[in-house]
Amino acid sequence: MKLIATAVLAGVALAASLPVQAQKKTQLTVSSWLPPTHAVVADFLVPWGEEITAATDGRVTLRILPKPVTNPPGHYDAVRDGLVDITFVSHAYYPGRFELTKFAVMPFSGNTAESRSVAAWNTYEKYLLGANEHEGVRLLGMYAHGPGMVFTTDKSVAKIEDFQGLKIRVGGGMAADVAKAVGVSPIAKPAPESYELLSTGVVDGVFFPAETLVSFKLDSVIENVTIFPGGLYSDTHAVIMNEDAFKRLSEQDQAAILKVSGSHLASLAGRAWDKHDAVAHKLLDGGSIKVIKADDALVQAVRERTKSFEQTWLDAAAAKGLDGPAALAAFRSEIKELDSK
């Protein structure tokens, strides 16, 4: 019996001495409502997953599911309820729920996705995280897409009056706010439905960043694009994780994931958007789509119609006891610094 007991104790001691990698490995499931070739998947989620694997010495891996577990807006609840471990959500798809994120997506706010993403996360983390807008999930990071543009089929937009009567697909959020302000009839639909909406004439155009021409194959139905300095709008996405899934990880692996999240995640995702925007801009340079650069009169007209957005946001921040003016100042200062590099 002593020999057996000694052997058991030795086995326990050996197991305790084994590297953590040999003791437990965890595969986290990821659901994406965007196609695998999209910037968010191919050049953000995939390399980010590789970084997590490296940071945890192989103990934690991500598995992107072959198809989404639910519709795009349903992904927040899917993570909260444990149907999937990790996903990203568009704040624009949840009207009235993530109002504080709008500081980062107002008209003319930034020229690149990376600068806007990094400044958005750093500002949100420092000034706004306490509002707990992402209740029920673990917020790993936030990023933004590139400057929003106006894509249309046969009706171009060169002056403010050209917006009148247009039916435009928007995701919601700031895009919907801007659409209403300039006289557009907004139709809120998830991004993957855009091609069908355009090709069947349900909408006259879409508010989107440049990359969507390629990601959603819109170049075959779009005839015009109007580009605004700093973007007509933008949208932010949150990368979220199921709380229980996060807590099940060792403290070492939790720390490793957080190290490659936050500002690092924002930069990685922003660069992915910018890379795909650049590809789309080359397509625009080809001449098959009419490119209109908003002149001073159009920019000023949009500014006039959207100038109330800032005060509305400041009021929302004040209602939650947050220092809105400091947050806006910090965001704009960092955007200016990053865009100048």
Protein backbone atom coordinates (compact mmCIF):
# COMPACT_ATOMS: atom_id res chain seq x y z
CA MET A 1 0.00 0.00 0.00
CA LYS A 2 2.87 2.33 0.83
CA LEU A 3 4.31 1.77 -2.63
CA ILE A 4 0.95 2.60 -4.25
CA ALA A 5 0.52 5.70 -2.10
CA THR A 6 4.05 6.80 -2.90
CA ALA A 7 3.41 6.28 -6.59
CA VAL A 8 0.19 8.29 -6.46
CA LEU A 9 1.89 11.12 -4.62
CA ALA A 10 4.71 11.07 -7.11
CA GLY A 11 2.22 11.24 -9.96
CA VAL A 12 0.49 14.23 -8.40
CA ALA A 13 3.80 15.95 -7.87
CA LEU A 14 4.80 15.26 -11.47
CA ALA A 15 1.53 16.67 -12.81
CA ALA A 16 1.97 19.79 -10.71
CA SER A 17 5.46 20.24 -12.07
CA LEU A 18 4.41 19.92 -15.70
CA PRO A 19 4.22 23.12 -17.74
CA VAL A 20 0.81 24.79 -17.75
CA GLN A 21 0.70 24.18 -21.52
CA ALA A 22 0.69 20.42 -20.91
CA GLN A 23 -1.99 20.65 -18.21
CA LYS A 24 -4.74 22.54 -20.03
CA LYS A 25 -5.50 23.90 -23.48
CA THR A 26 -8.53 26.00 -24.32
CA GLN A 27 -10.15 26.61 -27.69
CA LEU A 28 -12.37 29.69 -27.81
CA THR A 29 -15.08 29.85 -30.45
CA VAL A 30 -15.52 33.01 -32.52
CA SER A 31 -18.60 33.89 -34.55
CA SER A 32 -18.30 36.36 -37.43
CA TRP A 33 -21.24 37.82 -39.32
CA LEU A 34 -18.89 39.12 -42.04
CA PRO A 35 -17.42 36.94 -44.83
CA PRO A 36 -13.99 35.31 -44.30
CA THR A 37 -12.37 37.58 -46.90
CA HIS A 38 -13.49 40.76 -45.10
CA ALA A 39 -10.87 42.97 -43.47
CA VAL A 40 -12.21 42.25 -40.00
CA VAL A 41 -11.77 38.50 -40.45
CA ALA A 42 -8.82 37.99 -42.80
CA ASP A 43 -6.55 40.75 -41.51
CA PHE A 44 -7.74 41.22 -37.96
CA LEU A 45 -9.39 38.21 -36.32
CA VAL A 46 -7.07 35.64 -37.90
CA PRO A 47 -3.77 37.38 -37.01
CA TRP A 48 -5.15 38.41 -33.61
CA GLY A 49 -5.93 34.77 -32.92
CA GLU A 50 -2.37 33.88 -33.86
CA GLU A 51 -1.11 36.52 -31.44
CA ILE A 52 -3.23 35.07 -28.64
CA THR A 53 -1.84 31.60 -29.33
CA ALA A 54 1.72 32.94 -29.24
CA ALA A 55 1.10 35.04 -26.12
CA THR A 56 -0.27 32.00 -24.23
CA ASP A 57 2.41 29.61 -25.50
CA GLY A 58 -0.23 27.62 -27.33
CA ARG A 59 -2.58 27.18 -24.39
CA VAL A 60 -5.38 29.32 -25.90
CA THR A 61 -6.49 29.20 -29.53
CA LEU A 62 -9.37 30.80 -31.42
CA ARG A 63 -11.63 28.85 -33.75
CA ILE A 64 -13.62 31.00 -36.16
CA LEU A 65 -16.85 29.14 -36.84
CA PRO A 66 -17.67 28.34 -40.49
CA LYS A 67 -20.90 30.34 -40.29
CA PRO A 68 -22.38 32.89 -37.86
CA VAL A 69 -24.42 31.59 -34.95
CA THR A 70 -27.12 34.22 -35.43
CA ASN A 71 -27.95 37.40 -37.34
CA PRO A 72 -25.58 40.40 -36.96
CA PRO A 73 -27.48 42.21 -34.15
CA GLY A 74 -27.98 38.93 -32.29
CA HIS A 75 -24.27 38.48 -31.67
CA TYR A 76 -24.13 40.53 -28.48
CA ASP A 77 -26.65 38.28 -26.75
CA ALA A 78 -24.99 35.20 -28.26
CA VAL A 79 -21.77 36.03 -26.40
CA ARG A 80 -23.51 37.17 -23.23
CA ASP A 81 -25.52 33.95 -23.08
CA GLY A 82 -22.55 31.68 -23.87
CA LEU A 83 -23.65 30.49 -27.30
CA VAL A 84 -20.20 31.56 -28.53
CA ASP A 85 -17.10 32.77 -26.69
CA ILE A 86 -16.00 35.80 -28.72
CA THR A 87 -17.40 38.06 -31.42
CA PHE A 88 -17.41 41.65 -32.64
CA VAL A 89 -20.51 43.81 -32.75
CA SER A 90 -21.33 46.99 -34.62
CA HIS A 91 -22.51 49.62 -32.15
CA ALA A 92 -24.70 51.05 -34.91
CA TYR A 93 -26.90 47.95 -34.89
CA TYR A 94 -28.22 48.69 -31.39
CA PRO A 95 -30.19 51.98 -31.48
CA GLY A 96 -30.02 53.94 -28.24
CA ARG A 97 -27.80 51.38 -26.51
CA PHE A 98 -24.25 52.60 -27.11
CA GLU A 99 -24.79 56.35 -27.32
CA LEU A 100 -21.49 57.19 -25.62
CA THR A 101 -19.47 55.59 -28.43
CA LYS A 102 -20.71 58.29 -30.83
CA PHE A 103 -17.94 60.69 -29.81
CA ALA A 104 -15.65 58.72 -32.14
CA VAL A 105 -17.86 58.63 -35.22
CA MET A 106 -19.05 62.18 -35.79
CA PRO A 107 -18.65 63.78 -39.23
CA PHE A 108 -15.15 64.81 -40.33
CA SER A 109 -13.45 63.17 -37.32
CA GLY A 110 -10.50 61.30 -38.85
CA ASN A 111 -8.73 60.30 -42.05
CA THR A 112 -7.72 56.73 -41.21
CA ALA A 113 -9.28 53.78 -39.46
CA GLU A 114 -6.17 53.13 -37.40
CA SER A 115 -5.92 56.62 -35.93
CA ARG A 116 -9.63 56.75 -35.19
CA SER A 117 -9.58 53.24 -33.68
CA VAL A 118 -6.65 53.86 -31.34
CA ALA A 119 -7.91 57.26 -30.23
CA ALA A 120 -11.43 55.87 -29.77
CA TRP A 121 -10.29 53.03 -27.53
CA ASN A 122 -7.88 55.10 -25.47
CA THR A 123 -10.53 57.77 -24.89
CA TYR A 124 -13.31 55.29 -24.14
CA GLU A 125 -11.16 53.32 -21.73
CA LYS A 126 -10.03 56.42 -19.82
CA TYR A 127 -13.21 58.48 -19.70
CA LEU A 128 -16.27 56.37 -20.54
CA LEU A 129 -15.69 52.77 -19.49
CA GLY A 130 -17.30 53.39 -16.11
CA ALA A 131 -20.71 53.82 -17.75
CA ASN A 132 -20.69 50.04 -18.33
CA GLU A 133 -22.42 50.19 -21.71
CA HIS A 134 -21.19 46.66 -22.48
CA GLU A 135 -22.86 45.11 -19.48
CA GLY A 136 -22.90 41.32 -19.28
CA VAL A 137 -19.81 40.71 -21.43
CA ARG A 138 -16.08 41.26 -21.20
CA LEU A 139 -15.07 44.19 -23.42
CA LEU A 140 -11.69 43.39 -24.98
CA GLY A 141 -11.39 46.36 -27.28
CA MET A 142 -12.93 48.74 -29.74
CA TYR A 143 -12.06 49.89 -33.24
CA ALA A 144 -13.55 51.98 -36.03
CA HIS A 145 -13.85 51.62 -39.78
CA GLY A 146 -12.42 54.13 -42.21
CA PRO A 147 -13.98 57.42 -43.35
CA GLY A 148 -17.62 56.96 -44.32
CA MET A 149 -18.63 57.86 -47.89
CA VAL A 150 -21.79 58.13 -49.95
CA PHE A 151 -22.15 55.44 -52.63
CA THR A 152 -25.06 55.74 -55.06
CA THR A 153 -26.36 54.03 -58.17
CA ASP A 154 -27.64 56.50 -60.77
CA LYS A 155 -28.09 59.65 -58.64
CA SER A 156 -24.86 61.39 -57.68
CA VAL A 157 -24.38 63.67 -54.65
CA ALA A 158 -22.43 66.88 -55.31
CA LYS A 159 -24.47 69.42 -53.32
CA ILE A 160 -26.62 69.25 -50.22
CA GLU A 161 -29.86 69.30 -52.24
CA ASP A 162 -28.84 66.05 -53.94
CA PHE A 163 -29.46 64.16 -50.71
CA GLN A 164 -33.17 64.99 -50.76
CA GLY A 165 -35.41 62.01 -51.43
CA LEU A 166 -32.62 59.44 -51.61
CA LYS A 167 -33.23 56.08 -49.98
CA ILE A 168 -29.94 55.10 -48.35
CA ARG A 169 -29.00 51.90 -46.57
CA VAL A 170 -27.38 52.62 -43.21
CA GLY A 171 -26.33 50.38 -40.36
CA GLY A 172 -27.85 52.73 -37.80
CA GLY A 173 -25.98 54.83 -35.25
CA MET A 174 -24.19 57.91 -36.54
CA ALA A 175 -24.85 57.00 -40.17
CA ALA A 176 -28.59 57.11 -39.48
CA ASP A 177 -28.22 60.38 -37.57
CA VAL A 178 -26.35 61.99 -40.46
CA ALA A 179 -28.79 60.61 -43.02
CA LYS A 180 -31.76 62.17 -41.26
CA ALA A 181 -29.92 65.47 -40.81
CA VAL A 182 -29.14 65.85 -44.52
CA GLY A 183 -32.60 64.84 -45.71
CA VAL A 184 -32.04 61.22 -46.69
CA SER A 185 -34.59 58.47 -46.05
CA PRO A 186 -32.47 55.98 -44.05
CA ILE A 187 -33.14 52.27 -44.32
CA ALA A 188 -31.42 50.40 -41.49
CA LYS A 189 -30.14 47.02 -42.63
CA PRO A 190 -27.06 44.90 -41.81
CA ALA A 191 -24.08 45.37 -44.15
CA PRO A 192 -24.25 41.90 -45.80
CA GLU A 193 -27.67 42.77 -47.27
CA SER A 194 -26.36 45.80 -49.19
CA TYR A 195 -25.77 44.19 -52.58
CA GLU A 196 -29.31 42.84 -52.78
CA LEU A 197 -30.79 46.16 -51.66
CA LEU A 198 -28.84 48.04 -54.33
CA SER A 199 -29.23 45.56 -57.18
CA THR A 200 -33.00 45.33 -56.72
CA GLY A 201 -33.46 49.10 -56.45
CA VAL A 202 -34.77 49.02 -52.88
CA VAL A 203 -32.23 51.72 -52.04
CA ASP A 204 -30.52 54.42 -54.11
CA GLY A 205 -27.25 54.09 -52.27
CA VAL A 206 -25.36 53.21 -49.12
CA PHE A 207 -23.27 54.96 -46.49
CA PHE A 208 -20.09 52.90 -46.22
CA PRO A 209 -16.29 53.08 -46.00
CA ALA A 210 -14.33 52.46 -49.20
CA GLU A 211 -13.48 48.79 -48.57
CA THR A 212 -17.08 47.66 -49.00
CA LEU A 213 -16.78 48.09 -52.77
CA VAL A 214 -14.62 44.97 -52.73
CA SER A 215 -15.81 43.17 -49.59
CA PHE A 216 -19.46 43.14 -50.67
CA LYS A 217 -18.81 43.31 -54.43
CA LEU A 218 -20.65 46.60 -54.76
CA ASP A 219 -18.49 47.90 -57.61
CA SER A 220 -20.80 46.18 -60.10
CA VAL A 221 -23.84 48.18 -58.96
CA ILE A 222 -22.35 51.46 -57.71
CA GLU A 223 -21.93 54.31 -60.21
CA ASN A 224 -21.04 57.27 -57.97
CA VAL A 225 -19.17 58.00 -54.76
CA THR A 226 -18.89 61.22 -52.78
CA ILE A 227 -15.86 61.49 -50.52
CA PHE A 228 -15.73 63.80 -47.49
CA PRO A 229 -12.57 65.01 -45.70
CA GLY A 230 -12.31 63.10 -42.43
CA GLY A 231 -15.34 61.02 -43.42
CA LEU A 232 -19.05 61.77 -43.45
CA TYR A 233 -19.37 59.44 -40.44
CA SER A 234 -17.87 56.24 -39.07
CA ASP A 235 -18.91 53.27 -36.96
CA THR A 236 -17.24 51.57 -34.03
CA HIS A 237 -17.16 47.85 -33.32
CA ALA A 238 -16.63 46.24 -29.95
CA VAL A 239 -14.78 42.95 -29.50
CA ILE A 240 -16.51 41.12 -26.67
CA MET A 241 -16.01 37.86 -24.79
CA ASN A 242 -18.25 35.74 -22.64
CA GLU A 243 -17.55 36.53 -18.98
CA ASP A 244 -17.53 32.92 -17.81
CA ALA A 245 -15.24 31.87 -20.67
CA PHE A 246 -12.79 34.59 -19.64
CA LYS A 247 -12.95 33.64 -15.96
CA ARG A 248 -12.24 29.98 -16.77
CA LEU A 249 -8.83 30.94 -18.12
CA SER A 250 -5.84 31.03 -15.83
CA GLU A 251 -4.76 34.46 -14.58
CA GLN A 252 -1.65 34.09 -16.73
CA ASP A 253 -3.70 33.53 -19.89
CA GLN A 254 -6.17 36.27 -19.00
CA ALA A 255 -3.27 38.70 -18.71
CA ALA A 256 -1.79 37.46 -21.99
CA ILE A 257 -5.06 38.05 -23.87
CA LEU A 258 -5.52 41.49 -22.37
CA LYS A 259 -1.98 42.40 -23.40
CA VAL A 260 -2.83 41.87 -27.09
CA SER A 261 -6.24 43.52 -26.71
CA GLY A 262 -7.15 47.13 -25.89
CA SER A 263 -5.05 49.67 -27.77
CA HIS A 264 -3.08 46.94 -29.55
CA LEU A 265 -6.30 45.37 -30.82
CA ALA A 266 -7.52 48.79 -31.99
CA SER A 267 -4.34 49.37 -33.97
CA LEU A 268 -4.41 45.91 -35.54
CA ALA A 269 -8.05 46.19 -36.58
CA GLY A 270 -7.63 49.76 -37.81
CA ARG A 271 -4.69 48.78 -40.01
CA ALA A 272 -6.81 45.99 -41.49
CA TRP A 273 -9.55 48.44 -42.47
CA ASP A 274 -7.00 50.87 -43.93
CA LYS A 275 -5.39 48.11 -45.98
CA HIS A 276 -8.70 47.17 -47.56
CA ASP A 277 -9.71 50.81 -48.01
CA ALA A 278 -6.50 51.32 -50.01
CA VAL A 279 -7.40 48.43 -52.32
CA ALA A 280 -10.83 49.97 -52.92
CA HIS A 281 -9.32 53.39 -53.64
CA LYS A 282 -7.23 51.84 -56.40
CA LEU A 283 -10.45 50.51 -57.87
CA LEU A 284 -11.97 53.99 -57.66
CA ASP A 285 -8.92 55.37 -59.48
CA GLY A 286 -9.79 53.09 -62.40
CA GLY A 287 -12.49 55.44 -63.63
CA SER A 288 -15.45 53.06 -63.78
CA ILE A 289 -17.08 54.85 -60.84
CA LYS A 290 -17.59 58.62 -60.81
CA VAL A 291 -15.69 60.11 -57.87
CA ILE A 292 -16.92 63.39 -56.37
CA LYS A 293 -14.86 65.11 -53.70
CA ALA A 294 -17.12 67.17 -51.48
CA ASP A 295 -16.39 70.86 -51.99
CA ASP A 296 -16.35 73.50 -49.25
CA ALA A 297 -20.02 74.36 -49.79
CA LEU A 298 -21.17 70.76 -49.34
CA VAL A 299 -18.91 70.22 -46.32
CA GLN A 300 -20.17 73.40 -44.68
CA ALA A 301 -23.80 72.48 -45.38
CA VAL A 302 -23.30 69.09 -43.70
CA ARG A 303 -21.51 70.74 -40.77
CA GLU A 304 -24.42 73.11 -40.30
CA ARG A 305 -26.96 70.30 -40.27
CA THR A 306 -24.98 68.09 -37.89
CA LYS A 307 -23.57 70.68 -35.51
CA SER A 308 -26.05 69.74 -32.79
CA PHE A 309 -24.61 66.21 -32.53
CA GLU A 310 -21.78 67.29 -30.27
CA GLN A 311 -24.03 68.95 -27.70
CA THR A 312 -26.39 65.99 -27.75
CA TRP A 313 -23.44 63.72 -26.96
CA LEU A 314 -22.15 66.05 -24.23
CA ASP A 315 -25.58 66.04 -22.61
CA ALA A 316 -25.66 62.24 -22.68
CA ALA A 317 -22.22 62.05 -21.06
CA ALA A 318 -23.18 64.60 -18.38
CA ALA A 319 -26.32 62.62 -17.57
CA LYS A 320 -24.07 59.71 -16.64
CA GLY A 321 -21.72 61.89 -14.59
CA LEU A 322 -18.90 61.70 -17.14
CA ASP A 323 -16.48 64.43 -18.22
CA GLY A 324 -17.58 64.77 -21.82
CA PRO A 325 -15.55 67.89 -22.70
CA ALA A 326 -12.34 66.23 -21.49
CA ALA A 327 -13.13 63.06 -23.44
CA LEU A 328 -13.79 64.97 -26.68
CA ALA A 329 -10.67 67.07 -26.25
CA ALA A 330 -8.53 63.98 -25.62
CA PHE A 331 -9.96 62.15 -28.62
CA ARG A 332 -9.47 65.05 -31.01
CA SER A 333 -5.97 65.75 -29.77
CA GLU A 334 -4.91 62.13 -30.25
CA ILE A 335 -6.58 61.90 -33.67
CA LYS A 336 -4.72 65.02 -34.79
CA GLU A 337 -1.44 63.63 -33.53
CA LEU A 338 -1.92 60.19 -35.11
CA ASP A 339 -3.18 61.55 -38.45
CA SER A 340 -0.13 63.77 -38.70
CA LYS A 341 2.29 60.83 -38.58
